[in-house]
Amino acid sequence: MAIPDTPQTITIADLDANDPVPDGYVVLDVREDDEWEAGHAPGALHIPIGELPDRLDDLPEEDLLVVCRGGGRSARASAWLNQNGFNAYNVDGGMSGWHRAGLPVTSEDGSVPEIL
């Protein structure tokens, strides 16, 4: 995946702490499986960044809030998605910022979630 132009970006501060995912948006988590399993936003869709080109049909029509751990991978993914017809926003600060801001996080196995 080539690194394309700068993506549209929002910050954690732009999100409502009581309802961080506005209607019409879906969180897309592009981290690897182990990162996802340890902790992710409830209701998020998980597609590792390396699988995006092969899984475009799995993406919803809603606007995408794209996250990774800190914002690097999600910036690349967001820019690439925008070039391919999606409306994607990189969430600056990623899941680390999400978690620090006290936004909800869950884990796959029900253990205390952590951000890897």
N, C-alpha and C. Protein backbone atom coordinates (compact mmCIF):
# COMPACT_ATOMS: atom_id res chain seq x y z
N MET A 1 0.86 -1.16 0.00
CA MET A 1 0.00 0.00 0.00
C MET A 1 0.91 1.23 0.00
N ALA A 2 0.86 2.02 -1.05
CA ALA A 2 1.64 3.24 -1.12
C ALA A 2 1.08 4.27 -0.16
N ILE A 3 1.95 5.14 0.34
CA ILE A 3 1.49 6.18 1.25
C ILE A 3 0.94 7.34 0.43
N PRO A 4 -0.37 7.56 0.47
CA PRO A 4 -1.00 8.60 -0.33
C PRO A 4 -1.01 9.95 0.38
N ASP A 5 -1.78 10.87 -0.16
CA ASP A 5 -1.90 12.22 0.38
C ASP A 5 -2.41 12.20 1.82
N THR A 6 -2.26 13.33 2.48
CA THR A 6 -2.71 13.49 3.86
C THR A 6 -4.22 13.27 3.96
N PRO A 7 -4.66 12.48 4.96
CA PRO A 7 -6.09 12.19 5.11
C PRO A 7 -6.82 13.30 5.86
N GLN A 8 -8.15 13.22 5.81
CA GLN A 8 -8.99 14.05 6.68
C GLN A 8 -8.74 13.56 8.11
N THR A 9 -8.63 14.47 9.04
CA THR A 9 -8.30 14.09 10.41
C THR A 9 -9.25 14.73 11.40
N ILE A 10 -9.60 13.96 12.43
CA ILE A 10 -10.30 14.51 13.59
C ILE A 10 -9.47 14.13 14.81
N THR A 11 -9.68 14.84 15.90
CA THR A 11 -8.97 14.53 17.13
C THR A 11 -9.93 13.89 18.12
N ILE A 12 -9.37 13.29 19.13
CA ILE A 12 -10.19 12.70 20.19
C ILE A 12 -11.09 13.77 20.81
N ALA A 13 -10.57 14.99 20.93
CA ALA A 13 -11.35 16.09 21.52
C ALA A 13 -12.58 16.43 20.68
N ASP A 14 -12.55 16.09 19.38
CA ASP A 14 -13.70 16.34 18.51
C ASP A 14 -14.86 15.38 18.79
N LEU A 15 -14.59 14.29 19.48
CA LEU A 15 -15.60 13.27 19.74
C LEU A 15 -16.34 13.56 21.04
N ASP A 16 -17.62 13.26 21.08
CA ASP A 16 -18.44 13.45 22.27
C ASP A 16 -18.15 12.30 23.25
N ALA A 17 -17.70 12.63 24.45
CA ALA A 17 -17.35 11.61 25.43
C ALA A 17 -18.53 10.69 25.76
N ASN A 18 -19.75 11.20 25.68
CA ASN A 18 -20.93 10.39 26.00
C ASN A 18 -21.41 9.55 24.82
N ASP A 19 -21.04 9.93 23.62
CA ASP A 19 -21.45 9.23 22.40
C ASP A 19 -20.37 9.45 21.34
N PRO A 20 -19.23 8.75 21.49
CA PRO A 20 -18.07 9.06 20.64
C PRO A 20 -18.24 8.73 19.16
N VAL A 21 -19.20 7.88 18.82
CA VAL A 21 -19.39 7.52 17.42
C VAL A 21 -20.74 8.09 16.96
N PRO A 22 -20.71 9.21 16.24
CA PRO A 22 -21.97 9.83 15.81
C PRO A 22 -22.77 8.92 14.86
N ASP A 23 -24.07 9.16 14.79
CA ASP A 23 -24.91 8.43 13.84
C ASP A 23 -24.34 8.60 12.44
N GLY A 24 -24.35 7.53 11.68
CA GLY A 24 -23.85 7.58 10.31
C GLY A 24 -22.37 7.31 10.19
N TYR A 25 -21.70 6.99 11.31
CA TYR A 25 -20.27 6.70 11.31
C TYR A 25 -20.03 5.31 11.87
N VAL A 26 -18.94 4.70 11.44
CA VAL A 26 -18.49 3.41 11.97
C VAL A 26 -17.00 3.55 12.28
N VAL A 27 -16.58 3.00 13.43
CA VAL A 27 -15.15 2.96 13.75
C VAL A 27 -14.54 1.78 13.01
N LEU A 28 -13.49 2.04 12.25
CA LEU A 28 -12.72 1.00 11.57
C LEU A 28 -11.36 0.92 12.24
N ASP A 29 -11.06 -0.22 12.85
CA ASP A 29 -9.80 -0.44 13.55
C ASP A 29 -8.87 -1.22 12.62
N VAL A 30 -7.74 -0.62 12.26
CA VAL A 30 -6.82 -1.25 11.29
C VAL A 30 -5.61 -1.88 11.97
N ARG A 31 -5.67 -2.07 13.29
CA ARG A 31 -4.55 -2.69 14.00
C ARG A 31 -4.52 -4.20 13.73
N GLU A 32 -3.45 -4.83 14.18
CA GLU A 32 -3.29 -6.27 14.02
C GLU A 32 -4.18 -7.02 15.02
N ASP A 33 -4.34 -8.32 14.78
CA ASP A 33 -5.26 -9.14 15.57
C ASP A 33 -4.98 -9.07 17.07
N ASP A 34 -3.70 -9.18 17.49
CA ASP A 34 -3.40 -9.17 18.92
C ASP A 34 -3.75 -7.84 19.56
N GLU A 35 -3.56 -6.75 18.84
CA GLU A 35 -3.91 -5.43 19.36
C GLU A 35 -5.42 -5.32 19.53
N TRP A 36 -6.15 -5.77 18.52
CA TRP A 36 -7.62 -5.74 18.54
C TRP A 36 -8.16 -6.55 19.71
N GLU A 37 -7.65 -7.78 19.87
CA GLU A 37 -8.16 -8.67 20.91
C GLU A 37 -7.95 -8.11 22.30
N ALA A 38 -6.87 -7.37 22.51
CA ALA A 38 -6.56 -6.81 23.84
C ALA A 38 -7.50 -5.68 24.21
N GLY A 39 -7.92 -4.88 23.23
CA GLY A 39 -8.82 -3.77 23.53
C GLY A 39 -9.17 -2.97 22.30
N HIS A 40 -10.47 -2.68 22.14
CA HIS A 40 -10.95 -1.91 20.99
C HIS A 40 -12.24 -1.18 21.34
N ALA A 41 -12.63 -0.27 20.48
CA ALA A 41 -13.87 0.47 20.68
C ALA A 41 -15.06 -0.48 20.48
N PRO A 42 -16.04 -0.45 21.37
CA PRO A 42 -17.22 -1.30 21.20
C PRO A 42 -17.91 -1.01 19.86
N GLY A 43 -18.29 -2.07 19.17
CA GLY A 43 -18.99 -1.91 17.91
C GLY A 43 -18.11 -1.62 16.71
N ALA A 44 -16.80 -1.53 16.94
CA ALA A 44 -15.88 -1.23 15.84
C ALA A 44 -15.77 -2.41 14.87
N LEU A 45 -15.42 -2.10 13.65
CA LEU A 45 -15.14 -3.09 12.62
C LEU A 45 -13.63 -3.27 12.57
N HIS A 46 -13.16 -4.51 12.55
CA HIS A 46 -11.73 -4.79 12.53
C HIS A 46 -11.29 -5.33 11.18
N ILE A 47 -10.44 -4.58 10.51
CA ILE A 47 -9.79 -5.05 9.29
C ILE A 47 -8.34 -4.57 9.36
N PRO A 48 -7.38 -5.48 9.59
CA PRO A 48 -5.98 -5.06 9.64
C PRO A 48 -5.59 -4.32 8.36
N ILE A 49 -4.71 -3.34 8.49
CA ILE A 49 -4.36 -2.48 7.37
C ILE A 49 -3.89 -3.27 6.15
N GLY A 50 -3.16 -4.34 6.36
CA GLY A 50 -2.67 -5.13 5.24
C GLY A 50 -3.76 -5.86 4.47
N GLU A 51 -4.93 -6.01 5.07
CA GLU A 51 -6.05 -6.70 4.43
C GLU A 51 -7.02 -5.76 3.73
N LEU A 52 -6.87 -4.45 3.94
CA LEU A 52 -7.84 -3.50 3.39
C LEU A 52 -8.08 -3.64 1.89
N PRO A 53 -7.02 -3.72 1.08
CA PRO A 53 -7.27 -3.79 -0.37
C PRO A 53 -8.13 -4.99 -0.79
N ASP A 54 -8.04 -6.08 -0.04
CA ASP A 54 -8.80 -7.28 -0.38
C ASP A 54 -10.17 -7.34 0.29
N ARG A 55 -10.46 -6.38 1.18
CA ARG A 55 -11.71 -6.47 1.94
C ARG A 55 -12.58 -5.23 1.80
N LEU A 56 -12.45 -4.52 0.70
CA LEU A 56 -13.27 -3.33 0.50
C LEU A 56 -14.76 -3.63 0.54
N ASP A 57 -15.14 -4.82 0.10
CA ASP A 57 -16.56 -5.20 0.11
C ASP A 57 -17.10 -5.38 1.53
N ASP A 58 -16.20 -5.53 2.52
CA ASP A 58 -16.62 -5.68 3.91
C ASP A 58 -16.90 -4.34 4.58
N LEU A 59 -16.55 -3.24 3.92
CA LEU A 59 -16.73 -1.92 4.51
C LEU A 59 -18.15 -1.43 4.33
N PRO A 60 -18.69 -0.79 5.36
CA PRO A 60 -20.05 -0.25 5.27
C PRO A 60 -20.09 1.02 4.44
N GLU A 61 -21.29 1.46 4.12
CA GLU A 61 -21.46 2.70 3.36
C GLU A 61 -21.31 3.93 4.25
N GLU A 62 -21.40 3.77 5.56
CA GLU A 62 -21.27 4.91 6.47
C GLU A 62 -19.87 5.51 6.40
N ASP A 63 -19.76 6.75 6.90
CA ASP A 63 -18.45 7.38 7.03
C ASP A 63 -17.63 6.58 8.04
N LEU A 64 -16.32 6.59 7.86
CA LEU A 64 -15.43 5.78 8.69
C LEU A 64 -14.57 6.65 9.58
N LEU A 65 -14.50 6.29 10.86
CA LEU A 65 -13.54 6.86 11.80
C LEU A 65 -12.46 5.80 11.96
N VAL A 66 -11.29 6.04 11.39
CA VAL A 66 -10.26 5.01 11.30
C VAL A 66 -9.25 5.18 12.43
N VAL A 67 -9.01 4.08 13.16
CA VAL A 67 -8.09 4.10 14.29
C VAL A 67 -7.03 3.01 14.16
N CYS A 68 -5.89 3.29 14.77
CA CYS A 68 -4.85 2.29 15.02
C CYS A 68 -4.40 2.55 16.45
N ARG A 69 -3.17 2.29 16.80
CA ARG A 69 -2.73 2.56 18.17
C ARG A 69 -2.53 4.05 18.40
N GLY A 70 -1.78 4.72 17.49
CA GLY A 70 -1.45 6.12 17.72
C GLY A 70 -1.84 7.07 16.61
N GLY A 71 -2.12 6.56 15.43
CA GLY A 71 -2.55 7.42 14.33
C GLY A 71 -1.77 7.28 13.04
N GLY A 72 -0.64 6.59 13.05
CA GLY A 72 0.17 6.44 11.84
C GLY A 72 -0.45 5.53 10.80
N ARG A 73 -0.76 4.31 11.19
CA ARG A 73 -1.37 3.36 10.25
C ARG A 73 -2.74 3.84 9.81
N SER A 74 -3.50 4.40 10.75
CA SER A 74 -4.84 4.87 10.39
C SER A 74 -4.78 6.07 9.45
N ALA A 75 -3.74 6.89 9.54
CA ALA A 75 -3.58 8.01 8.60
C ALA A 75 -3.37 7.48 7.19
N ARG A 76 -2.50 6.48 7.06
CA ARG A 76 -2.26 5.88 5.74
C ARG A 76 -3.53 5.21 5.21
N ALA A 77 -4.21 4.46 6.09
CA ALA A 77 -5.43 3.76 5.68
C ALA A 77 -6.52 4.75 5.28
N SER A 78 -6.69 5.81 6.04
CA SER A 78 -7.73 6.81 5.74
C SER A 78 -7.49 7.47 4.40
N ALA A 79 -6.26 7.87 4.16
CA ALA A 79 -5.94 8.51 2.88
C ALA A 79 -6.21 7.55 1.73
N TRP A 80 -5.81 6.30 1.88
CA TRP A 80 -6.01 5.30 0.83
C TRP A 80 -7.51 5.06 0.61
N LEU A 81 -8.26 4.95 1.70
CA LEU A 81 -9.71 4.74 1.58
C LEU A 81 -10.38 5.92 0.87
N ASN A 82 -9.98 7.13 1.20
CA ASN A 82 -10.55 8.31 0.54
C ASN A 82 -10.25 8.30 -0.95
N GLN A 83 -9.06 7.86 -1.32
CA GLN A 83 -8.71 7.78 -2.74
C GLN A 83 -9.50 6.69 -3.46
N ASN A 84 -10.08 5.78 -2.68
CA ASN A 84 -10.84 4.67 -3.26
C ASN A 84 -12.34 4.82 -3.04
N GLY A 85 -12.79 6.06 -2.85
CA GLY A 85 -14.22 6.34 -2.85
C GLY A 85 -14.93 6.32 -1.52
N PHE A 86 -14.21 6.12 -0.43
CA PHE A 86 -14.83 6.12 0.89
C PHE A 86 -14.66 7.49 1.53
N ASN A 87 -15.47 7.77 2.54
CA ASN A 87 -15.32 9.00 3.31
C ASN A 87 -14.76 8.59 4.67
N ALA A 88 -13.44 8.68 4.80
CA ALA A 88 -12.74 8.19 5.99
C ALA A 88 -12.02 9.33 6.68
N TYR A 89 -12.04 9.28 8.01
CA TYR A 89 -11.36 10.27 8.84
C TYR A 89 -10.36 9.55 9.74
N ASN A 90 -9.12 9.99 9.73
CA ASN A 90 -8.13 9.48 10.66
C ASN A 90 -8.42 10.06 12.04
N VAL A 91 -8.48 9.19 13.05
CA VAL A 91 -8.66 9.66 14.42
C VAL A 91 -7.26 9.86 15.01
N ASP A 92 -6.83 11.12 15.07
CA ASP A 92 -5.51 11.47 15.56
C ASP A 92 -5.39 11.09 17.03
N GLY A 93 -4.37 10.35 17.37
CA GLY A 93 -4.20 9.86 18.73
C GLY A 93 -4.58 8.41 18.87
N GLY A 94 -5.36 7.91 17.91
CA GLY A 94 -5.71 6.50 17.85
C GLY A 94 -6.36 5.96 19.11
N MET A 95 -6.25 4.65 19.27
CA MET A 95 -6.86 3.99 20.41
C MET A 95 -6.16 4.36 21.71
N SER A 96 -4.88 4.72 21.65
CA SER A 96 -4.20 5.18 22.87
C SER A 96 -4.86 6.45 23.39
N GLY A 97 -5.10 7.41 22.50
CA GLY A 97 -5.78 8.64 22.88
C GLY A 97 -7.22 8.39 23.29
N TRP A 98 -7.89 7.49 22.57
CA TRP A 98 -9.28 7.11 22.87
C TRP A 98 -9.37 6.62 24.32
N HIS A 99 -8.48 5.70 24.67
CA HIS A 99 -8.47 5.11 26.01
C HIS A 99 -8.11 6.15 27.06
N ARG A 100 -7.09 6.97 26.82
CA ARG A 100 -6.70 8.03 27.77
C ARG A 100 -7.83 9.02 28.01
N ALA A 101 -8.65 9.26 27.00
CA ALA A 101 -9.77 10.21 27.13
C ALA A 101 -10.95 9.61 27.88
N GLY A 102 -10.85 8.33 28.24
CA GLY A 102 -11.94 7.69 28.98
C GLY A 102 -13.08 7.21 28.11
N LEU A 103 -12.85 7.16 26.79
CA LEU A 103 -13.89 6.64 25.89
C LEU A 103 -13.96 5.13 26.07
N PRO A 104 -15.10 4.51 25.77
CA PRO A 104 -15.29 3.09 26.06
C PRO A 104 -14.36 2.19 25.25
N VAL A 105 -13.86 1.16 25.94
CA VAL A 105 -12.99 0.15 25.34
C VAL A 105 -13.44 -1.21 25.86
N THR A 106 -13.42 -2.20 24.99
CA THR A 106 -13.79 -3.56 25.37
C THR A 106 -12.72 -4.51 24.85
N SER A 107 -12.73 -5.76 25.33
CA SER A 107 -11.79 -6.76 24.85
C SER A 107 -12.56 -7.97 24.33
N GLU A 108 -11.90 -8.78 23.55
CA GLU A 108 -12.55 -9.95 22.96
C GLU A 108 -12.89 -11.02 23.99
N ASP A 109 -12.03 -11.19 25.00
CA ASP A 109 -12.25 -12.28 25.95
C ASP A 109 -12.90 -11.83 27.26
N GLY A 110 -13.31 -10.58 27.33
CA GLY A 110 -13.98 -10.09 28.53
C GLY A 110 -13.04 -9.65 29.63
N SER A 111 -11.72 -9.78 29.41
CA SER A 111 -10.76 -9.32 30.42
C SER A 111 -10.70 -7.79 30.40
N VAL A 112 -9.97 -7.23 31.37
CA VAL A 112 -9.80 -5.78 31.41
C VAL A 112 -9.09 -5.36 30.12
N PRO A 113 -9.70 -4.48 29.34
CA PRO A 113 -9.09 -4.11 28.06
C PRO A 113 -7.83 -3.28 28.25
N GLU A 114 -6.91 -3.46 27.32
CA GLU A 114 -5.70 -2.65 27.29
C GLU A 114 -5.40 -2.31 25.84
N ILE A 115 -4.65 -1.26 25.65
CA ILE A 115 -4.31 -0.84 24.29
C ILE A 115 -2.86 -1.20 24.04
N LEU A 116 -2.64 -2.07 23.07
CA LEU A 116 -1.28 -2.49 22.70
C LEU A 116 -0.78 -1.66 21.55
